[in-house]
Amino acid sequence: MEPVRGADPVRPVVVFTANDRPHYMRRVLASWERVRGIEDALLIFQCEPHLPTVELVSAVTFAEIVVNVNGRQMGVEANPYLAMRAGFATGADFVIQGEEDTTVTADLLEYMAWARDEYEADKNVAAICTLQNRGLGPRDEVDRRAWFSSSTWGTWRDRWDDIRDDWPAGPRDGGSWDWYMTYRCVRDRRKVTIEPCTTRAPHIG
């Protein structure tokens, strides 16, 4: 992997799930404000009906935003689905999903843009992840791994089309949607995710 530098010319579309933890979301938004190239991004917030959080994300000025408020509590399975659906409804070919309790590094969009282009033609790559849990490694290297982390991730439209109809179906014992993403990789050994050797999105929640 070559080091990734500079904002990508393709407009990033980033969707966020947001519920009732504005104390985390403030820290998350502060980290996204420092991301290089964020001023060119479209941010879509898929919010549960929690007024303090809705007011917080509605005040974002460092990028163009869309705020969608659910008419009722949709929960941790449906809301990420709605967020991704909203992202791809913009016509984007690649959508990044962030979380209300995951901060990001300043090079997050650069990393995602590089990985998006590098692995677009490799249909065995199901998603690009930004968290790894195996210790610090070289900042400019990535691994292929049959594992998935929802702590800020991205995927292409054609992979989403393959994922969405089963969401959040999985093993009979009832795994969550993110567990199901890992299950898909383990079940079909050709399917992997790309993860950085140095985490780009530490989990704070």
Protein backbone atom coordinates (compact mmCIF):
# COMPACT_ATOMS: atom_id res chain seq x y z
CA MET A 1 0.00 0.00 0.00
CA GLU A 2 1.28 3.44 -0.91
CA PRO A 3 0.77 6.21 1.67
CA VAL A 4 -2.50 8.02 1.09
CA ARG A 5 -2.31 11.79 0.83
CA GLY A 6 -4.61 14.54 -0.33
CA ALA A 7 -8.38 14.82 -0.58
CA ASP A 8 -10.08 12.51 -3.06
CA PRO A 9 -11.80 14.21 -6.01
CA VAL A 10 -14.90 11.99 -5.62
CA ARG A 11 -17.25 13.50 -3.06
CA PRO A 12 -17.35 11.41 0.12
CA VAL A 13 -20.77 10.42 1.46
CA VAL A 14 -20.71 9.62 5.18
CA VAL A 15 -23.75 8.41 7.11
CA PHE A 16 -24.03 8.33 10.88
CA THR A 17 -26.32 6.50 13.27
CA ALA A 18 -27.29 8.65 16.25
CA ASN A 19 -29.36 7.85 19.29
CA ASP A 20 -29.22 9.31 22.79
CA ARG A 21 -25.54 9.81 23.61
CA PRO A 22 -24.74 13.42 22.74
CA HIS A 23 -21.81 13.39 25.18
CA TYR A 24 -20.07 10.94 22.84
CA MET A 25 -21.35 12.53 19.65
CA ARG A 26 -19.74 15.87 20.57
CA ARG A 27 -16.34 14.18 20.68
CA VAL A 28 -17.06 12.31 17.48
CA LEU A 29 -18.06 15.46 15.60
CA ALA A 30 -14.97 17.27 16.90
CA SER A 31 -12.81 14.53 15.41
CA TRP A 32 -14.63 14.59 12.06
CA GLU A 33 -14.22 18.36 11.87
CA ARG A 34 -10.44 17.81 11.83
CA VAL A 35 -10.55 15.25 9.00
CA ARG A 36 -8.74 16.43 5.89
CA GLY A 37 -11.18 16.97 3.03
CA ILE A 38 -14.29 16.95 5.23
CA GLU A 39 -15.46 20.27 3.77
CA ASP A 40 -16.16 18.44 0.49
CA ALA A 41 -18.19 15.65 2.10
CA LEU A 42 -21.91 15.09 2.48
CA LEU A 43 -22.84 13.96 5.99
CA ILE A 44 -26.17 12.22 6.58
CA PHE A 45 -27.32 11.74 10.17
CA GLN A 46 -29.92 9.00 10.71
CA CYS A 47 -31.26 10.01 14.12
CA GLU A 48 -33.49 8.27 16.58
CA PRO A 49 -36.11 10.70 17.99
CA HIS A 50 -33.88 12.16 20.71
CA LEU A 51 -34.06 15.97 20.64
CA PRO A 52 -30.66 16.85 22.19
CA THR A 53 -28.85 14.67 19.64
CA VAL A 54 -30.90 16.02 16.73
CA GLU A 55 -30.12 19.58 17.79
CA LEU A 56 -26.43 18.75 18.15
CA VAL A 57 -25.96 17.25 14.69
CA SER A 58 -28.17 19.91 13.09
CA ALA A 59 -25.64 22.54 14.21
CA VAL A 60 -22.78 21.04 12.16
CA THR A 61 -21.27 23.64 9.82
CA PHE A 62 -17.99 22.06 8.65
CA ALA A 63 -19.67 20.05 5.85
CA GLU A 64 -22.98 19.85 4.03
CA ILE A 65 -25.43 17.85 6.14
CA VAL A 66 -28.76 16.06 5.93
CA VAL A 67 -30.57 15.18 9.14
CA ASN A 68 -33.14 12.38 9.00
CA VAL A 69 -35.18 11.83 12.17
CA ASN A 70 -36.99 8.54 12.61
CA GLY A 71 -40.66 8.80 13.48
CA ARG A 72 -40.13 6.19 16.18
CA GLN A 73 -37.22 4.36 17.80
CA MET A 74 -35.88 2.01 15.13
CA GLY A 75 -33.15 0.32 17.15
CA VAL A 76 -29.62 -0.93 16.58
CA GLU A 77 -30.53 -3.29 13.72
CA ALA A 78 -32.81 -1.10 11.61
CA ASN A 79 -31.16 2.30 12.03
CA PRO A 80 -27.79 1.36 10.48
CA TYR A 81 -29.72 -0.14 7.56
CA LEU A 82 -31.69 3.09 7.14
CA ALA A 83 -28.48 5.11 7.27
CA MET A 84 -26.82 3.06 4.53
CA ARG A 85 -29.96 3.16 2.42
CA ALA A 86 -30.01 6.96 2.72
CA GLY A 87 -26.36 7.14 1.70
CA PHE A 88 -26.78 5.10 -1.45
CA ALA A 89 -30.00 6.96 -2.30
CA THR A 90 -27.77 9.98 -3.07
CA GLY A 91 -26.37 8.10 -6.06
CA ALA A 92 -23.01 7.45 -4.39
CA ASP A 93 -21.07 4.37 -5.46
CA PHE A 94 -19.34 4.11 -2.07
CA VAL A 95 -20.73 5.03 1.35
CA ILE A 96 -18.96 5.33 4.70
CA GLN A 97 -20.85 4.70 7.94
CA GLY A 98 -19.74 6.35 11.20
CA GLU A 99 -21.07 5.90 14.71
CA GLU A 100 -21.92 8.22 17.56
CA ASP A 101 -19.22 6.68 19.78
CA THR A 102 -16.34 6.28 17.32
CA THR A 103 -13.84 9.07 16.76
CA VAL A 104 -11.66 9.20 13.64
CA THR A 105 -8.16 10.27 12.65
CA ALA A 106 -7.41 13.21 10.38
CA ASP A 107 -6.53 10.93 7.45
CA LEU A 108 -9.76 8.90 7.61
CA LEU A 109 -11.16 10.07 4.27
CA GLU A 110 -7.80 9.68 2.56
CA TYR A 111 -7.51 6.10 3.80
CA MET A 112 -11.05 5.27 2.73
CA ALA A 113 -10.62 6.86 -0.71
CA TRP A 114 -7.42 4.90 -1.33
CA ALA A 115 -8.99 1.61 -0.21
CA ARG A 116 -12.17 2.27 -2.18
CA ASP A 117 -10.22 2.63 -5.41
CA GLU A 118 -7.66 -0.08 -4.65
CA TYR A 119 -10.22 -2.82 -3.95
CA GLU A 120 -13.21 -1.76 -6.03
CA ALA A 121 -12.54 -4.45 -8.64
CA ASP A 122 -11.87 -7.17 -6.04
CA LYS A 123 -15.35 -8.57 -5.45
CA ASN A 124 -14.08 -10.75 -2.62
CA VAL A 125 -13.63 -7.63 -0.48
CA ALA A 126 -16.96 -7.05 1.24
CA ALA A 127 -16.08 -3.85 3.10
CA ILE A 128 -13.34 -1.46 4.19
CA CYS A 129 -12.93 -1.25 7.96
CA THR A 130 -11.01 1.31 9.99
CA LEU A 131 -10.52 -0.47 13.33
CA GLN A 132 -8.20 -3.34 14.07
CA ASN A 133 -7.78 -5.05 17.44
CA ARG A 134 -4.49 -6.88 17.11
CA GLY A 135 -1.98 -4.22 18.11
CA LEU A 136 -0.18 -1.35 16.44
CA GLY A 137 1.29 -1.91 12.98
CA PRO A 138 2.70 0.16 10.09
CA ARG A 139 0.47 3.12 9.36
CA ASP A 140 0.69 2.67 5.58
CA GLU A 141 -0.20 -1.04 5.46
CA VAL A 142 -3.46 -3.00 5.51
CA ASP A 143 -4.53 -6.62 6.03
CA ARG A 144 -7.18 -8.82 4.45
CA ARG A 145 -9.18 -10.44 7.22
CA ALA A 146 -12.31 -12.60 7.60
CA TRP A 147 -13.62 -10.27 10.28
CA PHE A 148 -15.74 -7.13 10.43
CA SER A 149 -15.83 -4.07 12.69
CA SER A 150 -18.67 -1.53 12.51
CA SER A 151 -16.49 1.21 14.05
CA THR A 152 -16.63 3.32 10.88
CA TRP A 153 -16.63 1.27 7.70
CA GLY A 154 -17.47 1.62 4.05
CA THR A 155 -18.69 -0.45 1.14
CA TRP A 156 -19.58 -0.18 -2.53
CA ARG A 157 -23.05 -0.16 -4.05
CA ASP A 158 -22.74 -3.64 -5.55
CA ARG A 159 -21.60 -5.14 -2.21
CA TRP A 160 -24.44 -3.31 -0.45
CA ASP A 161 -26.89 -4.80 -2.93
CA ASP A 162 -25.58 -8.23 -1.90
CA ILE A 163 -25.77 -7.47 1.83
CA ARG A 164 -28.99 -5.53 2.25
CA ASP A 165 -31.57 -8.22 1.53
CA ASP A 166 -30.29 -10.40 4.39
CA TRP A 167 -29.91 -7.56 6.90
CA PRO A 168 -29.67 -8.40 9.77
CA ALA A 169 -30.30 -12.10 9.12
CA GLY A 170 -27.61 -14.48 10.18
CA PRO A 171 -27.13 -17.60 12.27
CA ARG A 172 -30.18 -19.15 13.85
CA ASP A 173 -28.92 -18.15 17.29
CA GLY A 174 -29.62 -14.54 16.42
CA GLY A 175 -26.54 -12.42 15.78
CA SER A 176 -26.64 -8.66 15.31
CA TRP A 177 -26.03 -7.07 11.91
CA ASP A 178 -22.35 -6.41 12.53
CA TRP A 179 -21.86 -9.94 13.84
CA TYR A 180 -23.56 -11.14 10.69
CA MET A 181 -21.03 -9.29 8.56
CA THR A 182 -18.28 -11.28 10.25
CA TYR A 183 -20.33 -14.47 9.89
CA ARG A 184 -20.55 -13.89 6.13
CA CYS A 185 -16.78 -13.64 5.89
CA VAL A 186 -16.21 -16.78 7.94
CA ARG A 187 -18.92 -18.75 6.14
CA ASP A 188 -17.61 -17.83 2.70
CA ARG A 189 -13.83 -17.86 2.99
CA ARG A 190 -13.45 -15.81 -0.17
CA LYS A 191 -15.15 -12.84 1.49
CA VAL A 192 -12.90 -10.59 3.51
CA THR A 193 -12.68 -7.05 4.77
CA ILE A 194 -9.71 -4.72 4.55
CA GLU A 195 -8.46 -3.35 7.84
CA PRO A 196 -5.62 -0.94 8.55
CA CYS A 197 -2.58 -2.02 10.51
CA THR A 198 -3.03 1.22 12.46
CA THR A 199 -6.56 1.99 13.63
CA ARG A 200 -8.25 5.00 12.04
CA ALA A 201 -11.42 4.97 14.20
CA PRO A 202 -10.96 4.23 17.91
CA HIS A 203 -14.09 3.27 19.80
CA ILE A 204 -14.87 5.49 22.82
CA GLY A 205 -18.32 4.25 23.89
